[in-house]
Amino acid sequence: MNINELINTDANISVVVSVADLKEFALNVVAEAMAAKEAEKKEEKYLTPDDVADMVGVSKNTLWRWEKEKYLIPIKVGRKSRYKLSDVKSILEGRG
């Protein structure tokens, strides 16, 4: 039985874990996190400048200035600008 199986059983037991088992568990956790991140990237949504301005509470002129300052850079689709939802969320969470 591996660590993941023990976790899923909800058994009230004491466990002695070998270094190899601990390493395997850590690698599994990292792999799951990376897979979740990749899935999030594949589901990226793109917003119009009007949507972003409303969401963040700024004007479209501010979005233009942010682009020039490389604070929030849009993706150009032809002559139109689109913003990644993940980038906008980063700004809102204070990570921008």
C-alpha atoms as a PDB file:
ATOM      1  CA  MET A   1       0.000   0.000   0.000  1.00  0.00           C
ATOM      2  CA  ASN A   2       1.451   3.432  -0.909  1.00  0.00           C
ATOM      3  CA  ILE A   3       1.004   6.751   0.899  1.00  0.00           C
ATOM      4  CA  ASN A   4      -1.764   7.969  -1.411  1.00  0.00           C
ATOM      5  CA  GLU A   5      -3.797   4.836  -0.716  1.00  0.00           C
ATOM      6  CA  LEU A   6      -3.322   5.273   3.031  1.00  0.00           C
ATOM      7  CA  ILE A   7      -4.471   8.884   2.844  1.00  0.00           C
ATOM      8  CA  ASN A   8      -7.616   7.874   0.981  1.00  0.00           C
ATOM      9  CA  THR A   9      -8.570   5.174   3.514  1.00  0.00           C
ATOM     10  CA  ASP A  10      -9.028   7.666   6.403  1.00  0.00           C
ATOM     11  CA  ALA A  11      -7.638   5.010   8.736  1.00  0.00           C
ATOM     12  CA  ASN A  12      -6.421   6.048  12.165  1.00  0.00           C
ATOM     13  CA  ILE A  13      -2.955   4.509  12.030  1.00  0.00           C
ATOM     14  CA  SER A  14       0.657   5.399  12.678  1.00  0.00           C
ATOM     15  CA  VAL A  15       2.970   5.163   9.723  1.00  0.00           C
ATOM     16  CA  VAL A  16       6.711   4.872   9.376  1.00  0.00           C
ATOM     17  CA  VAL A  17       7.711   6.326   6.029  1.00  0.00           C
ATOM     18  CA  SER A  18      10.910   5.545   4.209  1.00  0.00           C
ATOM     19  CA  VAL A  19      12.815   8.281   2.439  1.00  0.00           C
ATOM     20  CA  ALA A  20      11.995   6.647  -0.901  1.00  0.00           C
ATOM     21  CA  ASP A  21       8.259   6.667  -0.108  1.00  0.00           C
ATOM     22  CA  LEU A  22       8.420  10.293   0.995  1.00  0.00           C
ATOM     23  CA  LYS A  23      10.230  11.225  -2.216  1.00  0.00           C
ATOM     24  CA  GLU A  24       7.638   9.348  -4.302  1.00  0.00           C
ATOM     25  CA  PHE A  25       4.835  11.164  -2.498  1.00  0.00           C
ATOM     26  CA  ALA A  26       6.486  14.554  -3.032  1.00  0.00           C
ATOM     27  CA  LEU A  27       6.978  13.839  -6.736  1.00  0.00           C
ATOM     28  CA  ASN A  28       3.314  12.854  -7.027  1.00  0.00           C
ATOM     29  CA  VAL A  29       2.197  16.074  -5.361  1.00  0.00           C
ATOM     30  CA  VAL A  30       4.380  18.145  -7.684  1.00  0.00           C
ATOM     31  CA  ALA A  31       3.139  16.244 -10.743  1.00  0.00           C
ATOM     32  CA  GLU A  32      -0.490  16.818  -9.745  1.00  0.00           C
ATOM     33  CA  ALA A  33       0.140  20.534  -9.193  1.00  0.00           C
ATOM     34  CA  MET A  34       1.854  20.881 -12.554  1.00  0.00           C
ATOM     35  CA  ALA A  35      -0.977  19.029 -14.294  1.00  0.00           C
ATOM     36  CA  ALA A  36      -3.517  21.346 -12.693  1.00  0.00           C
ATOM     37  CA  LYS A  37      -1.506  24.378 -13.831  1.00  0.00           C
ATOM     38  CA  GLU A  38      -1.327  23.034 -17.394  1.00  0.00           C
ATOM     39  CA  ALA A  39      -5.064  22.389 -17.420  1.00  0.00           C
ATOM     40  CA  GLU A  40      -5.620  25.965 -16.266  1.00  0.00           C
ATOM     41  CA  LYS A  41      -3.440  27.284 -19.099  1.00  0.00           C
ATOM     42  CA  LYS A  42      -5.376  25.293 -21.684  1.00  0.00           C
ATOM     43  CA  GLU A  43      -8.624  26.825 -20.452  1.00  0.00           C
ATOM     44  CA  GLU A  44      -7.337  30.411 -20.710  1.00  0.00           C
ATOM     45  CA  LYS A  45     -10.021  32.996 -21.408  1.00  0.00           C
ATOM     46  CA  TYR A  46      -9.427  36.265 -23.172  1.00  0.00           C
ATOM     47  CA  LEU A  47     -11.225  39.494 -22.314  1.00  0.00           C
ATOM     48  CA  THR A  48     -11.931  42.660 -24.256  1.00  0.00           C
ATOM     49  CA  PRO A  49     -10.544  46.000 -23.035  1.00  0.00           C
ATOM     50  CA  ASP A  50     -14.068  47.020 -21.997  1.00  0.00           C
ATOM     51  CA  ASP A  51     -14.439  43.862 -19.898  1.00  0.00           C
ATOM     52  CA  VAL A  52     -11.049  44.378 -18.229  1.00  0.00           C
ATOM     53  CA  ALA A  53     -11.672  48.065 -17.553  1.00  0.00           C
ATOM     54  CA  ASP A  54     -14.979  47.203 -15.844  1.00  0.00           C
ATOM     55  CA  MET A  55     -13.467  44.286 -13.933  1.00  0.00           C
ATOM     56  CA  VAL A  56     -10.478  46.240 -12.607  1.00  0.00           C
ATOM     57  CA  GLY A  57     -12.303  49.546 -12.237  1.00  0.00           C
ATOM     58  CA  VAL A  58     -10.085  51.645 -14.503  1.00  0.00           C
ATOM     59  CA  SER A  59     -10.530  53.424 -17.822  1.00  0.00           C
ATOM     60  CA  LYS A  60      -9.405  52.098 -21.179  1.00  0.00           C
ATOM     61  CA  ASN A  61      -6.805  54.908 -21.169  1.00  0.00           C
ATOM     62  CA  THR A  62      -5.308  53.341 -18.044  1.00  0.00           C
ATOM     63  CA  LEU A  63      -5.142  49.984 -19.818  1.00  0.00           C
ATOM     64  CA  TRP A  64      -3.302  51.664 -22.691  1.00  0.00           C
ATOM     65  CA  ARG A  65      -0.848  53.258 -20.214  1.00  0.00           C
ATOM     66  CA  TRP A  66      -0.341  49.911 -18.442  1.00  0.00           C
ATOM     67  CA  GLU A  67       0.526  48.353 -21.801  1.00  0.00           C
ATOM     68  CA  LYS A  68       3.153  51.053 -22.431  1.00  0.00           C
ATOM     69  CA  GLU A  69       4.552  50.491 -18.908  1.00  0.00           C
ATOM     70  CA  LYS A  70       4.509  46.704 -19.520  1.00  0.00           C
ATOM     71  CA  TYR A  71       2.293  46.243 -16.443  1.00  0.00           C
ATOM     72  CA  LEU A  72      -0.564  44.477 -18.265  1.00  0.00           C
ATOM     73  CA  ILE A  73       0.214  43.486 -21.828  1.00  0.00           C
ATOM     74  CA  PRO A  74      -2.616  42.470 -24.159  1.00  0.00           C
ATOM     75  CA  ILE A  75      -2.537  39.858 -26.875  1.00  0.00           C
ATOM     76  CA  LYS A  76      -3.127  41.359 -30.301  1.00  0.00           C
ATOM     77  CA  VAL A  77      -5.640  39.564 -32.498  1.00  0.00           C
ATOM     78  CA  GLY A  78      -5.462  41.430 -35.765  1.00  0.00           C
ATOM     79  CA  ARG A  79      -6.000  45.026 -34.713  1.00  0.00           C
ATOM     80  CA  LYS A  80      -7.899  44.119 -31.560  1.00  0.00           C
ATOM     81  CA  SER A  81      -6.513  43.735 -28.060  1.00  0.00           C
ATOM     82  CA  ARG A  82      -7.436  40.884 -25.748  1.00  0.00           C
ATOM     83  CA  TYR A  83      -6.271  40.363 -22.172  1.00  0.00           C
ATOM     84  CA  LYS A  84      -5.625  37.020 -20.503  1.00  0.00           C
ATOM     85  CA  LEU A  85      -7.999  36.457 -17.613  1.00  0.00           C
ATOM     86  CA  SER A  86      -5.108  34.961 -15.599  1.00  0.00           C
ATOM     87  CA  ASP A  87      -3.098  38.199 -16.033  1.00  0.00           C
ATOM     88  CA  VAL A  88      -6.058  40.299 -14.901  1.00  0.00           C
ATOM     89  CA  LYS A  89      -6.565  38.052 -11.862  1.00  0.00           C
ATOM     90  CA  SER A  90      -2.872  38.492 -10.977  1.00  0.00           C
ATOM     91  CA  ILE A  91      -3.348  42.271 -11.031  1.00  0.00           C
ATOM     92  CA  LEU A  92      -6.436  42.004  -8.832  1.00  0.00           C
ATOM     93  CA  GLU A  93      -4.606  39.755  -6.366  1.00  0.00           C
ATOM     94  CA  GLY A  94      -1.750  42.252  -6.137  1.00  0.00           C
ATOM     95  CA  ARG A  95       0.813  40.078  -7.905  1.00  0.00           C
ATOM     96  CA  GLY A  96       1.076  42.289 -10.986  1.00  0.00           C
END
